[in-house]
Amino acid sequence: MIEKKHSIDGKTCEVTFTLPADPKIESICLCGEFNNWDMKSEPLKKDKNGNLSTTVILEAGKEYKFRYCADNTRWENDHEADSQVPNPFGSDDSVVKT
């Protein structure tokens, strides 16, 4: 699930990315254009409902490619993203529109 909350001035958008917990996954991170695809900067953490989530503040009115990296080895898309686009590695990236 992806939740978006725009700032009062409309310049930024707080985006929360949430996934159901998966006992087979030890760690999962949000990687994308907004953090230079860094596999350590946005780890998803367990929330009060047992789901995994992280929140980032993004510039409003833009599109950002992203994926999740599970256990530093497996790339996963978010099927609830605004769209999916091909990437140069032969797979797709998820896209969030702010």
PDB file of N, CA and C in Angstrom:
ATOM      1  N   MET A   1       0.848  -1.168   0.000  1.00  0.00           N
ATOM      2  CA  MET A   1       0.000   0.000   0.000  1.00  0.00           C
ATOM      3  C   MET A   1       0.896   1.235   0.000  1.00  0.00           C
ATOM      4  N   ILE A   2       0.483   2.240  -0.741  1.00  0.00           N
ATOM      5  CA  ILE A   2       1.214   3.500  -0.792  1.00  0.00           C
ATOM      6  C   ILE A   2       0.246   4.612  -0.412  1.00  0.00           C
ATOM      7  N   GLU A   3       0.589   5.336   0.648  1.00  0.00           N
ATOM      8  CA  GLU A   3      -0.236   6.465   1.093  1.00  0.00           C
ATOM      9  C   GLU A   3       0.525   7.753   0.856  1.00  0.00           C
ATOM     10  N   LYS A   4      -0.186   8.763   0.328  1.00  0.00           N
ATOM     11  CA  LYS A   4       0.432  10.054   0.032  1.00  0.00           C
ATOM     12  C   LYS A   4      -0.286  11.157   0.800  1.00  0.00           C
ATOM     13  N   LYS A   5       0.519  12.071   1.354  1.00  0.00           N
ATOM     14  CA  LYS A   5      -0.040  13.205   2.068  1.00  0.00           C
ATOM     15  C   LYS A   5       0.749  14.449   1.636  1.00  0.00           C
ATOM     16  N   HIS A   6       0.082  15.357   0.922  1.00  0.00           N
ATOM     17  CA  HIS A   6       0.751  16.563   0.437  1.00  0.00           C
ATOM     18  C   HIS A   6       0.829  17.627   1.528  1.00  0.00           C
ATOM     19  N   SER A   7       1.913  18.387   1.493  1.00  0.00           N
ATOM     20  CA  SER A   7       2.087  19.480   2.450  1.00  0.00           C
ATOM     21  C   SER A   7       1.075  20.576   2.149  1.00  0.00           C
ATOM     22  N   ILE A   8       0.846  21.438   3.105  1.00  0.00           N
ATOM     23  CA  ILE A   8      -0.117  22.532   2.944  1.00  0.00           C
ATOM     24  C   ILE A   8       0.264  23.431   1.778  1.00  0.00           C
ATOM     25  N   ASP A   9       1.575  23.684   1.613  1.00  0.00           N
ATOM     26  CA  ASP A   9       2.008  24.555   0.516  1.00  0.00           C
ATOM     27  C   ASP A   9       2.093  23.822  -0.828  1.00  0.00           C
ATOM     28  N   GLY A  10       1.906  22.495  -0.826  1.00  0.00           N
ATOM     29  CA  GLY A  10       1.903  21.719  -2.060  1.00  0.00           C
ATOM     30  C   GLY A  10       3.274  21.453  -2.655  1.00  0.00           C
ATOM     31  N   LYS A  11       4.336  21.763  -1.925  1.00  0.00           N
ATOM     32  CA  LYS A  11       5.687  21.585  -2.464  1.00  0.00           C
ATOM     33  C   LYS A  11       6.260  20.201  -2.213  1.00  0.00           C
ATOM     34  N   THR A  12       5.795  19.548  -1.165  1.00  0.00           N
ATOM     35  CA  THR A  12       6.303  18.221  -0.842  1.00  0.00           C
ATOM     36  C   THR A  12       5.148  17.241  -0.645  1.00  0.00           C
ATOM     37  N   CYS A  13       5.511  15.977  -0.689  1.00  0.00           N
ATOM     38  CA  CYS A  13       4.533  14.906  -0.486  1.00  0.00           C
ATOM     39  C   CYS A  13       5.171  13.852   0.413  1.00  0.00           C
ATOM     40  N   GLU A  14       4.518  13.577   1.528  1.00  0.00           N
ATOM     41  CA  GLU A  14       4.959  12.520   2.431  1.00  0.00           C
ATOM     42  C   GLU A  14       4.366  11.209   1.913  1.00  0.00           C
ATOM     43  N   VAL A  15       5.235  10.278   1.559  1.00  0.00           N
ATOM     44  CA  VAL A  15       4.784   9.008   0.974  1.00  0.00           C
ATOM     45  C   VAL A  15       5.175   7.882   1.918  1.00  0.00           C
ATOM     46  N   THR A  16       4.176   7.105   2.325  1.00  0.00           N
ATOM     47  CA  THR A  16       4.415   5.944   3.180  1.00  0.00           C
ATOM     48  C   THR A  16       4.221   4.679   2.354  1.00  0.00           C
ATOM     49  N   PHE A  17       5.252   3.849   2.339  1.00  0.00           N
ATOM     50  CA  PHE A  17       5.247   2.577   1.618  1.00  0.00           C
ATOM     51  C   PHE A  17       5.065   1.478   2.647  1.00  0.00           C
ATOM     52  N   THR A  18       4.049   0.633   2.457  1.00  0.00           N
ATOM     53  CA  THR A  18       3.733  -0.416   3.427  1.00  0.00           C
ATOM     54  C   THR A  18       3.582  -1.756   2.718  1.00  0.00           C
ATOM     55  N   LEU A  19       4.203  -2.767   3.287  1.00  0.00           N
ATOM     56  CA  LEU A  19       4.098  -4.140   2.784  1.00  0.00           C
ATOM     57  C   LEU A  19       3.681  -5.053   3.923  1.00  0.00           C
ATOM     58  N   PRO A  20       2.962  -6.137   3.607  1.00  0.00           N
ATOM     59  CA  PRO A  20       2.667  -7.105   4.663  1.00  0.00           C
ATOM     60  C   PRO A  20       3.960  -7.801   5.088  1.00  0.00           C
ATOM     61  N   ALA A  21       4.087  -8.102   6.354  1.00  0.00           N
ATOM     62  CA  ALA A  21       5.275  -8.805   6.857  1.00  0.00           C
ATOM     63  C   ALA A  21       5.361 -10.181   6.207  1.00  0.00           C
ATOM     64  N   ASP A  22       6.582 -10.605   5.921  1.00  0.00           N
ATOM     65  CA  ASP A  22       6.833 -11.916   5.332  1.00  0.00           C
ATOM     66  C   ASP A  22       7.917 -12.592   6.175  1.00  0.00           C
ATOM     67  N   PRO A  23       7.579 -13.674   6.863  1.00  0.00           N
ATOM     68  CA  PRO A  23       8.559 -14.309   7.751  1.00  0.00           C
ATOM     69  C   PRO A  23       9.784 -14.849   7.010  1.00  0.00           C
ATOM     70  N   LYS A  24       9.706 -15.017   5.702  1.00  0.00           N
ATOM     71  CA  LYS A  24      10.836 -15.520   4.923  1.00  0.00           C
ATOM     72  C   LYS A  24      11.868 -14.430   4.642  1.00  0.00           C
ATOM     73  N   ILE A  25      11.488 -13.158   4.859  1.00  0.00           N
ATOM     74  CA  ILE A  25      12.385 -12.041   4.564  1.00  0.00           C
ATOM     75  C   ILE A  25      12.985 -11.518   5.867  1.00  0.00           C
ATOM     76  N   GLU A  26      14.314 -11.445   5.917  1.00  0.00           N
ATOM     77  CA  GLU A  26      14.983 -10.924   7.109  1.00  0.00           C
ATOM     78  C   GLU A  26      15.036  -9.402   7.109  1.00  0.00           C
ATOM     79  N   SER A  27      15.252  -8.796   5.935  1.00  0.00           N
ATOM     80  CA  SER A  27      15.300  -7.338   5.840  1.00  0.00           C
ATOM     81  C   SER A  27      14.816  -6.909   4.458  1.00  0.00           C
ATOM     82  N   ILE A  28      14.234  -5.721   4.402  1.00  0.00           N
ATOM     83  CA  ILE A  28      13.785  -5.185   3.119  1.00  0.00           C
ATOM     84  C   ILE A  28      13.934  -3.665   3.155  1.00  0.00           C
ATOM     85  N   CYS A  29      14.418  -3.110   2.056  1.00  0.00           N
ATOM     86  CA  CYS A  29      14.665  -1.671   1.965  1.00  0.00           C
ATOM     87  C   CYS A  29      13.964  -1.092   0.750  1.00  0.00           C
ATOM     88  N   LEU A  30      13.604   0.160   0.862  1.00  0.00           N
ATOM     89  CA  LEU A  30      13.034   0.922  -0.245  1.00  0.00           C
ATOM     90  C   LEU A  30      14.186   1.605  -0.975  1.00  0.00           C
ATOM     91  N   CYS A  31      14.320   1.337  -2.249  1.00  0.00           N
ATOM     92  CA  CYS A  31      15.392   1.915  -3.055  1.00  0.00           C
ATOM     93  C   CYS A  31      14.761   2.608  -4.252  1.00  0.00           C
ATOM     94  N   GLY A  32      15.294   3.778  -4.610  1.00  0.00           N
ATOM     95  CA  GLY A  32      14.735   4.473  -5.763  1.00  0.00           C
ATOM     96  C   GLY A  32      15.556   5.678  -6.168  1.00  0.00           C
ATOM     97  N   GLU A  33      15.012   6.391  -7.134  1.00  0.00           N
ATOM     98  CA  GLU A  33      15.685   7.586  -7.634  1.00  0.00           C
ATOM     99  C   GLU A  33      15.875   8.626  -6.534  1.00  0.00           C
ATOM    100  N   PHE A  34      14.982   8.645  -5.571  1.00  0.00           N
ATOM    101  CA  PHE A  34      15.017   9.650  -4.504  1.00  0.00           C
ATOM    102  C   PHE A  34      16.130   9.402  -3.493  1.00  0.00           C
ATOM    103  N   ASN A  35      16.733   8.192  -3.462  1.00  0.00           N
ATOM    104  CA  ASN A  35      17.844   7.924  -2.547  1.00  0.00           C
ATOM    105  C   ASN A  35      19.027   7.270  -3.270  1.00  0.00           C
ATOM    106  N   ASN A  36      19.097   7.522  -4.587  1.00  0.00           N
ATOM    107  CA  ASN A  36      20.198   7.015  -5.416  1.00  0.00           C
ATOM    108  C   ASN A  36      20.297   5.486  -5.351  1.00  0.00           C
ATOM    109  N   TRP A  37      19.141   4.818  -5.217  1.00  0.00           N
ATOM    110  CA  TRP A  37      19.034   3.363  -5.183  1.00  0.00           C
ATOM    111  C   TRP A  37      19.880   2.749  -4.046  1.00  0.00           C
ATOM    112  N   ASP A  38      20.011   3.477  -2.958  1.00  0.00           N
ATOM    113  CA  ASP A  38      20.796   3.035  -1.806  1.00  0.00           C
ATOM    114  C   ASP A  38      20.038   1.930  -1.059  1.00  0.00           C
ATOM    115  N   MET A  39      20.659   0.771  -0.916  1.00  0.00           N
ATOM    116  CA  MET A  39      20.006  -0.376  -0.283  1.00  0.00           C
ATOM    117  C   MET A  39      20.032  -0.328   1.239  1.00  0.00           C
ATOM    118  N   LYS A  40      20.538   0.748   1.825  1.00  0.00           N
ATOM    119  CA  LYS A  40      20.598   0.836   3.284  1.00  0.00           C
ATOM    120  C   LYS A  40      19.881   2.057   3.856  1.00  0.00           C
ATOM    121  N   SER A  41      19.551   3.041   3.023  1.00  0.00           N
ATOM    122  CA  SER A  41      19.062   4.309   3.571  1.00  0.00           C
ATOM    123  C   SER A  41      17.591   4.301   3.991  1.00  0.00           C
ATOM    124  N   GLU A  42      16.773   3.420   3.452  1.00  0.00           N
ATOM    125  CA  GLU A  42      15.334   3.418   3.793  1.00  0.00           C
ATOM    126  C   GLU A  42      14.841   2.013   4.144  1.00  0.00           C
ATOM    127  N   PRO A  43      15.299   1.444   5.259  1.00  0.00           N
ATOM    128  CA  PRO A  43      14.793   0.121   5.638  1.00  0.00           C
ATOM    129  C   PRO A  43      13.324   0.201   6.068  1.00  0.00           C
ATOM    130  N   LEU A  44      12.567  -0.811   5.719  1.00  0.00           N
ATOM    131  CA  LEU A  44      11.191  -0.896   6.194  1.00  0.00           C
ATOM    132  C   LEU A  44      11.221  -1.504   7.582  1.00  0.00           C
ATOM    133  N   LYS A  45      10.425  -0.932   8.480  1.00  0.00           N
ATOM    134  CA  LYS A  45      10.374  -1.400   9.862  1.00  0.00           C
ATOM    135  C   LYS A  45       8.958  -1.831  10.204  1.00  0.00           C
ATOM    136  N   LYS A  46       8.866  -2.752  11.137  1.00  0.00           N
ATOM    137  CA  LYS A  46       7.566  -3.269  11.555  1.00  0.00           C
ATOM    138  C   LYS A  46       6.759  -2.163  12.221  1.00  0.00           C
ATOM    139  N   ASP A  47       5.497  -1.989  11.798  1.00  0.00           N
ATOM    140  CA  ASP A  47       4.629  -0.976  12.401  1.00  0.00           C
ATOM    141  C   ASP A  47       3.713  -1.624  13.437  1.00  0.00           C
ATOM    142  N   LYS A  48       2.818  -0.842  14.009  1.00  0.00           N
ATOM    143  CA  LYS A  48       1.951  -1.340  15.090  1.00  0.00           C
ATOM    144  C   LYS A  48       1.021  -2.466  14.653  1.00  0.00           C
ATOM    145  N   ASN A  49       0.768  -2.577  13.338  1.00  0.00           N
ATOM    146  CA  ASN A  49      -0.107  -3.636  12.822  1.00  0.00           C
ATOM    147  C   ASN A  49       0.674  -4.864  12.358  1.00  0.00           C
ATOM    148  N   GLY A  50       2.000  -4.835  12.518  1.00  0.00           N
ATOM    149  CA  GLY A  50       2.821  -5.964  12.102  1.00  0.00           C
ATOM    150  C   GLY A  50       3.273  -5.889  10.656  1.00  0.00           C
ATOM    151  N   ASN A  51       2.857  -4.844   9.945  1.00  0.00           N
ATOM    152  CA  ASN A  51       3.300  -4.656   8.570  1.00  0.00           C
ATOM    153  C   ASN A  51       4.664  -3.982   8.561  1.00  0.00           C
ATOM    154  N   LEU A  52       5.294  -3.944   7.408  1.00  0.00           N
ATOM    155  CA  LEU A  52       6.577  -3.276   7.245  1.00  0.00           C
ATOM    156  C   LEU A  52       6.353  -1.975   6.505  1.00  0.00           C
ATOM    157  N   SER A  53       6.949  -0.880   6.999  1.00  0.00           N
ATOM    158  CA  SER A  53       6.716   0.405   6.335  1.00  0.00           C
ATOM    159  C   SER A  53       7.882   1.363   6.531  1.00  0.00           C
ATOM    160  N   THR A  54       7.922   2.342   5.638  1.00  0.00           N
ATOM    161  CA  THR A  54       8.841   3.469   5.748  1.00  0.00           C
ATOM    162  C   THR A  54       8.190   4.663   5.072  1.00  0.00           C
ATOM    163  N   THR A  55       8.578   5.857   5.510  1.00  0.00           N
ATOM    164  CA  THR A  55       8.017   7.091   4.966  1.00  0.00           C
ATOM    165  C   THR A  55       9.140   7.977   4.464  1.00  0.00           C
ATOM    166  N   VAL A  56       8.939   8.547   3.281  1.00  0.00           N
ATOM    167  CA  VAL A  56       9.909   9.487   2.715  1.00  0.00           C
ATOM    168  C   VAL A  56       9.169  10.764   2.313  1.00  0.00           C
ATOM    169  N   ILE A  57       9.898  11.878   2.348  1.00  0.00           N
ATOM    170  CA  ILE A  57       9.359  13.160   1.902  1.00  0.00           C
ATOM    171  C   ILE A  57       9.928  13.427   0.506  1.00  0.00           C
ATOM    172  N   LEU A  58       9.043  13.588  -0.459  1.00  0.00           N
ATOM    173  CA  LEU A  58       9.458  13.793  -1.846  1.00  0.00           C
ATOM    174  C   LEU A  58       8.924  15.116  -2.381  1.00  0.00           C
ATOM    175  N   GLU A  59       9.594  15.638  -3.390  1.00  0.00           N
ATOM    176  CA  GLU A  59       9.112  16.849  -4.049  1.00  0.00           C
ATOM    177  C   GLU A  59       7.809  16.518  -4.770  1.00  0.00           C
ATOM    178  N   ALA A  60       6.817  17.360  -4.596  1.00  0.00           N
ATOM    179  CA  ALA A  60       5.501  17.126  -5.199  1.00  0.00           C
ATOM    180  C   ALA A  60       5.540  17.382  -6.711  1.00  0.00           C
ATOM    181  N   GLY A  61       4.619  16.739  -7.426  1.00  0.00           N
ATOM    182  CA  GLY A  61       4.475  16.950  -8.857  1.00  0.00           C
ATOM    183  C   GLY A  61       5.476  16.214  -9.716  1.00  0.00           C
ATOM    184  N   LYS A  62       6.107  15.184  -9.163  1.00  0.00           N
ATOM    185  CA  LYS A  62       7.112  14.424  -9.904  1.00  0.00           C
ATOM    186  C   LYS A  62       6.776  12.938  -9.878  1.00  0.00           C
ATOM    187  N   GLU A  63       7.497  12.193 -10.705  1.00  0.00           N
ATOM    188  CA  GLU A  63       7.414  10.736 -10.715  1.00  0.00           C
ATOM    189  C   GLU A  63       8.762  10.179 -10.294  1.00  0.00           C
ATOM    190  N   TYR A  64       8.738   9.145  -9.482  1.00  0.00           N
ATOM    191  CA  TYR A  64       9.960   8.539  -8.984  1.00  0.00           C
ATOM    192  C   TYR A  64       9.908   7.027  -9.200  1.00  0.00           C
ATOM    193  N   LYS A  65      10.953   6.472  -9.802  1.00  0.00           N
ATOM    194  CA  LYS A  65      11.080   5.022  -9.941  1.00  0.00           C
ATOM    195  C   LYS A  65      11.604   4.468  -8.624  1.00  0.00           C
ATOM    196  N   PHE A  66      11.121   3.272  -8.272  1.00  0.00           N
ATOM    197  CA  PHE A  66      11.576   2.633  -7.039  1.00  0.00           C
ATOM    198  C   PHE A  66      11.352   1.134  -7.113  1.00  0.00           C
ATOM    199  N   ARG A  67      12.001   0.426  -6.223  1.00  0.00           N
ATOM    200  CA  ARG A  67      11.787  -1.011  -6.003  1.00  0.00           C
ATOM    201  C   ARG A  67      12.142  -1.308  -4.557  1.00  0.00           C
ATOM    202  N   TYR A  68      11.787  -2.497  -4.119  1.00  0.00           N
ATOM    203  CA  TYR A  68      12.186  -2.974  -2.801  1.00  0.00           C
ATOM    204  C   TYR A  68      13.318  -3.982  -2.994  1.00  0.00           C
ATOM    205  N   CYS A  69      14.290  -3.957  -2.095  1.00  0.00           N
ATOM    206  CA  CYS A  69      15.372  -4.945  -2.124  1.00  0.00           C
ATOM    207  C   CYS A  69      15.255  -5.796  -0.862  1.00  0.00           C
ATOM    208  N   ALA A  70      14.963  -7.070  -1.057  1.00  0.00           N
ATOM    209  CA  ALA A  70      14.787  -7.997   0.061  1.00  0.00           C
ATOM    210  C   ALA A  70      16.082  -8.757   0.307  1.00  0.00           C
ATOM    211  N   ASP A  71      16.524  -8.744   1.542  1.00  0.00           N
ATOM    212  CA  ASP A  71      17.714  -9.476   1.979  1.00  0.00           C
ATOM    213  C   ASP A  71      18.952  -9.161   1.138  1.00  0.00           C
ATOM    214  N   ASN A  72      19.028  -7.944   0.632  1.00  0.00           N
ATOM    215  CA  ASN A  72      20.159  -7.466  -0.170  1.00  0.00           C
ATOM    216  C   ASN A  72      20.428  -8.299  -1.417  1.00  0.00           C
ATOM    217  N   THR A  73      19.448  -9.095  -1.852  1.00  0.00           N
ATOM    218  CA  THR A  73      19.684  -9.957  -3.010  1.00  0.00           C
ATOM    219  C   THR A  73      18.542  -9.955  -4.019  1.00  0.00           C
ATOM    220  N   ARG A  74      17.330  -9.727  -3.576  1.00  0.00           N
ATOM    221  CA  ARG A  74      16.157  -9.885  -4.440  1.00  0.00           C
ATOM    222  C   ARG A  74      15.429  -8.572  -4.614  1.00  0.00           C
ATOM    223  N   TRP A  75      15.193  -8.186  -5.855  1.00  0.00           N
ATOM    224  CA  TRP A  75      14.442  -6.964  -6.158  1.00  0.00           C
ATOM    225  C   TRP A  75      12.974  -7.293  -6.340  1.00  0.00           C
ATOM    226  N   GLU A  76      12.112  -6.506  -5.718  1.00  0.00           N
ATOM    227  CA  GLU A  76      10.662  -6.705  -5.780  1.00  0.00           C
ATOM    228  C   GLU A  76       9.984  -5.403  -6.188  1.00  0.00           C
ATOM    229  N   ASN A  77       8.919  -5.512  -6.960  1.00  0.00           N
ATOM    230  CA  ASN A  77       8.115  -4.344  -7.331  1.00  0.00           C
ATOM    231  C   ASN A  77       6.923  -4.211  -6.403  1.00  0.00           C
ATOM    232  N   ASP A  78       6.315  -3.051  -6.426  1.00  0.00           N
ATOM    233  CA  ASP A  78       5.085  -2.796  -5.680  1.00  0.00           C
ATOM    234  C   ASP A  78       3.945  -2.769  -6.686  1.00  0.00           C
ATOM    235  N   HIS A  79       3.106  -3.780  -6.632  1.00  0.00           N
ATOM    236  CA  HIS A  79       2.030  -3.888  -7.613  1.00  0.00           C
ATOM    237  C   HIS A  79       0.904  -2.890  -7.372  1.00  0.00           C
ATOM    238  N   GLU A  80       0.981  -2.136  -6.283  1.00  0.00           N
ATOM    239  CA  GLU A  80       0.019  -1.070  -6.028  1.00  0.00           C
ATOM    240  C   GLU A  80       0.586   0.299  -6.403  1.00  0.00           C
ATOM    241  N   ALA A  81       1.760   0.310  -7.042  1.00  0.00           N
ATOM    242  CA  ALA A  81       2.372   1.569  -7.482  1.00  0.00           C
ATOM    243  C   ALA A  81       1.507   2.210  -8.557  1.00  0.00           C
ATOM    244  N   ASP A  82       1.783   3.484  -8.832  1.00  0.00           N
ATOM    245  CA  ASP A  82       1.005   4.209  -9.844  1.00  0.00           C
ATOM    246  C   ASP A  82       1.223   3.646 -11.236  1.00  0.00           C
ATOM    247  N   SER A  83       2.406   3.109 -11.510  1.00  0.00           N
ATOM    248  CA  SER A  83       2.677   2.450 -12.790  1.00  0.00           C
ATOM    249  C   SER A  83       3.950   1.632 -12.673  1.00  0.00           C
ATOM    250  N   GLN A  84       4.238   0.895 -13.719  1.00  0.00           N
ATOM    251  CA  GLN A  84       5.459   0.106 -13.844  1.00  0.00           C
ATOM    252  C   GLN A  84       6.103   0.500 -15.180  1.00  0.00           C
ATOM    253  N   VAL A  85       7.416   0.662 -15.188  1.00  0.00           N
ATOM    254  CA  VAL A  85       8.115   1.014 -16.428  1.00  0.00           C
ATOM    255  C   VAL A  85       9.342   0.122 -16.586  1.00  0.00           C
ATOM    256  N   PRO A  86       9.684  -0.217 -17.837  1.00  0.00           N
ATOM    257  CA  PRO A  86      10.866  -1.053 -18.065  1.00  0.00           C
ATOM    258  C   PRO A  86      12.134  -0.345 -17.601  1.00  0.00           C
ATOM    259  N   ASN A  87      13.073  -1.131 -17.097  1.00  0.00           N
ATOM    260  CA  ASN A  87      14.379  -0.586 -16.720  1.00  0.00           C
ATOM    261  C   ASN A  87      15.450  -1.214 -17.616  1.00  0.00           C
ATOM    262  N   PRO A  88      16.672  -0.710 -17.588  1.00  0.00           N
ATOM    263  CA  PRO A  88      17.721  -1.219 -18.478  1.00  0.00           C
ATOM    264  C   PRO A  88      18.229  -2.624 -18.119  1.00  0.00           C
ATOM    265  N   PHE A  89      17.711  -3.216 -17.041  1.00  0.00           N
ATOM    266  CA  PHE A  89      18.172  -4.532 -16.607  1.00  0.00           C
ATOM    267  C   PHE A  89      17.235  -5.656 -17.039  1.00  0.00           C
ATOM    268  N   GLY A  90      16.251  -5.340 -17.891  1.00  0.00           N
ATOM    269  CA  GLY A  90      15.351  -6.355 -18.415  1.00  0.00           C
ATOM    270  C   GLY A  90      14.153  -6.654 -17.539  1.00  0.00           C
ATOM    271  N   SER A  91      13.927  -5.843 -16.531  1.00  0.00           N
ATOM    272  CA  SER A  91      12.746  -6.007 -15.690  1.00  0.00           C
ATOM    273  C   SER A  91      12.040  -4.653 -15.617  1.00  0.00           C
ATOM    274  N   ASP A  92      11.130  -4.502 -14.676  1.00  0.00           N
ATOM    275  CA  ASP A  92      10.395  -3.246 -14.530  1.00  0.00           C
ATOM    276  C   ASP A  92      10.718  -2.582 -13.198  1.00  0.00           C
ATOM    277  N   ASP A  93      10.548  -1.263 -13.169  1.00  0.00           N
ATOM    278  CA  ASP A  93      10.600  -0.508 -11.930  1.00  0.00           C
ATOM    279  C   ASP A  93       9.190  -0.045 -11.614  1.00  0.00           C
ATOM    280  N   SER A  94       8.867   0.057 -10.347  1.00  0.00           N
ATOM    281  CA  SER A  94       7.610   0.648  -9.920  1.00  0.00           C
ATOM    282  C   SER A  94       7.768   2.171  -9.974  1.00  0.00           C
ATOM    283  N   VAL A  95       6.642   2.887 -10.118  1.00  0.00           N
ATOM    284  CA  VAL A  95       6.661   4.345 -10.169  1.00  0.00           C
ATOM    285  C   VAL A  95       5.623   4.898  -9.204  1.00  0.00           C
ATOM    286  N   VAL A  96       6.049   5.886  -8.418  1.00  0.00           N
ATOM    287  CA  VAL A  96       5.119   6.613  -7.568  1.00  0.00           C
ATOM    288  C   VAL A  96       5.057   8.044  -8.099  1.00  0.00           C
ATOM    289  N   LYS A  97       3.834   8.556  -8.256  1.00  0.00           N
ATOM    290  CA  LYS A  97       3.621   9.914  -8.721  1.00  0.00           C
ATOM    291  C   LYS A  97       3.176  10.767  -7.542  1.00  0.00           C
ATOM    292  N   THR A  98       3.900  11.860  -7.329  1.00  0.00           N
ATOM    293  CA  THR A  98       3.572  12.712  -6.198  1.00  0.00           C
ATOM    294  C   THR A  98       2.786  13.892  -6.699  1.00  0.00           C
TER     295      THR A  98
END
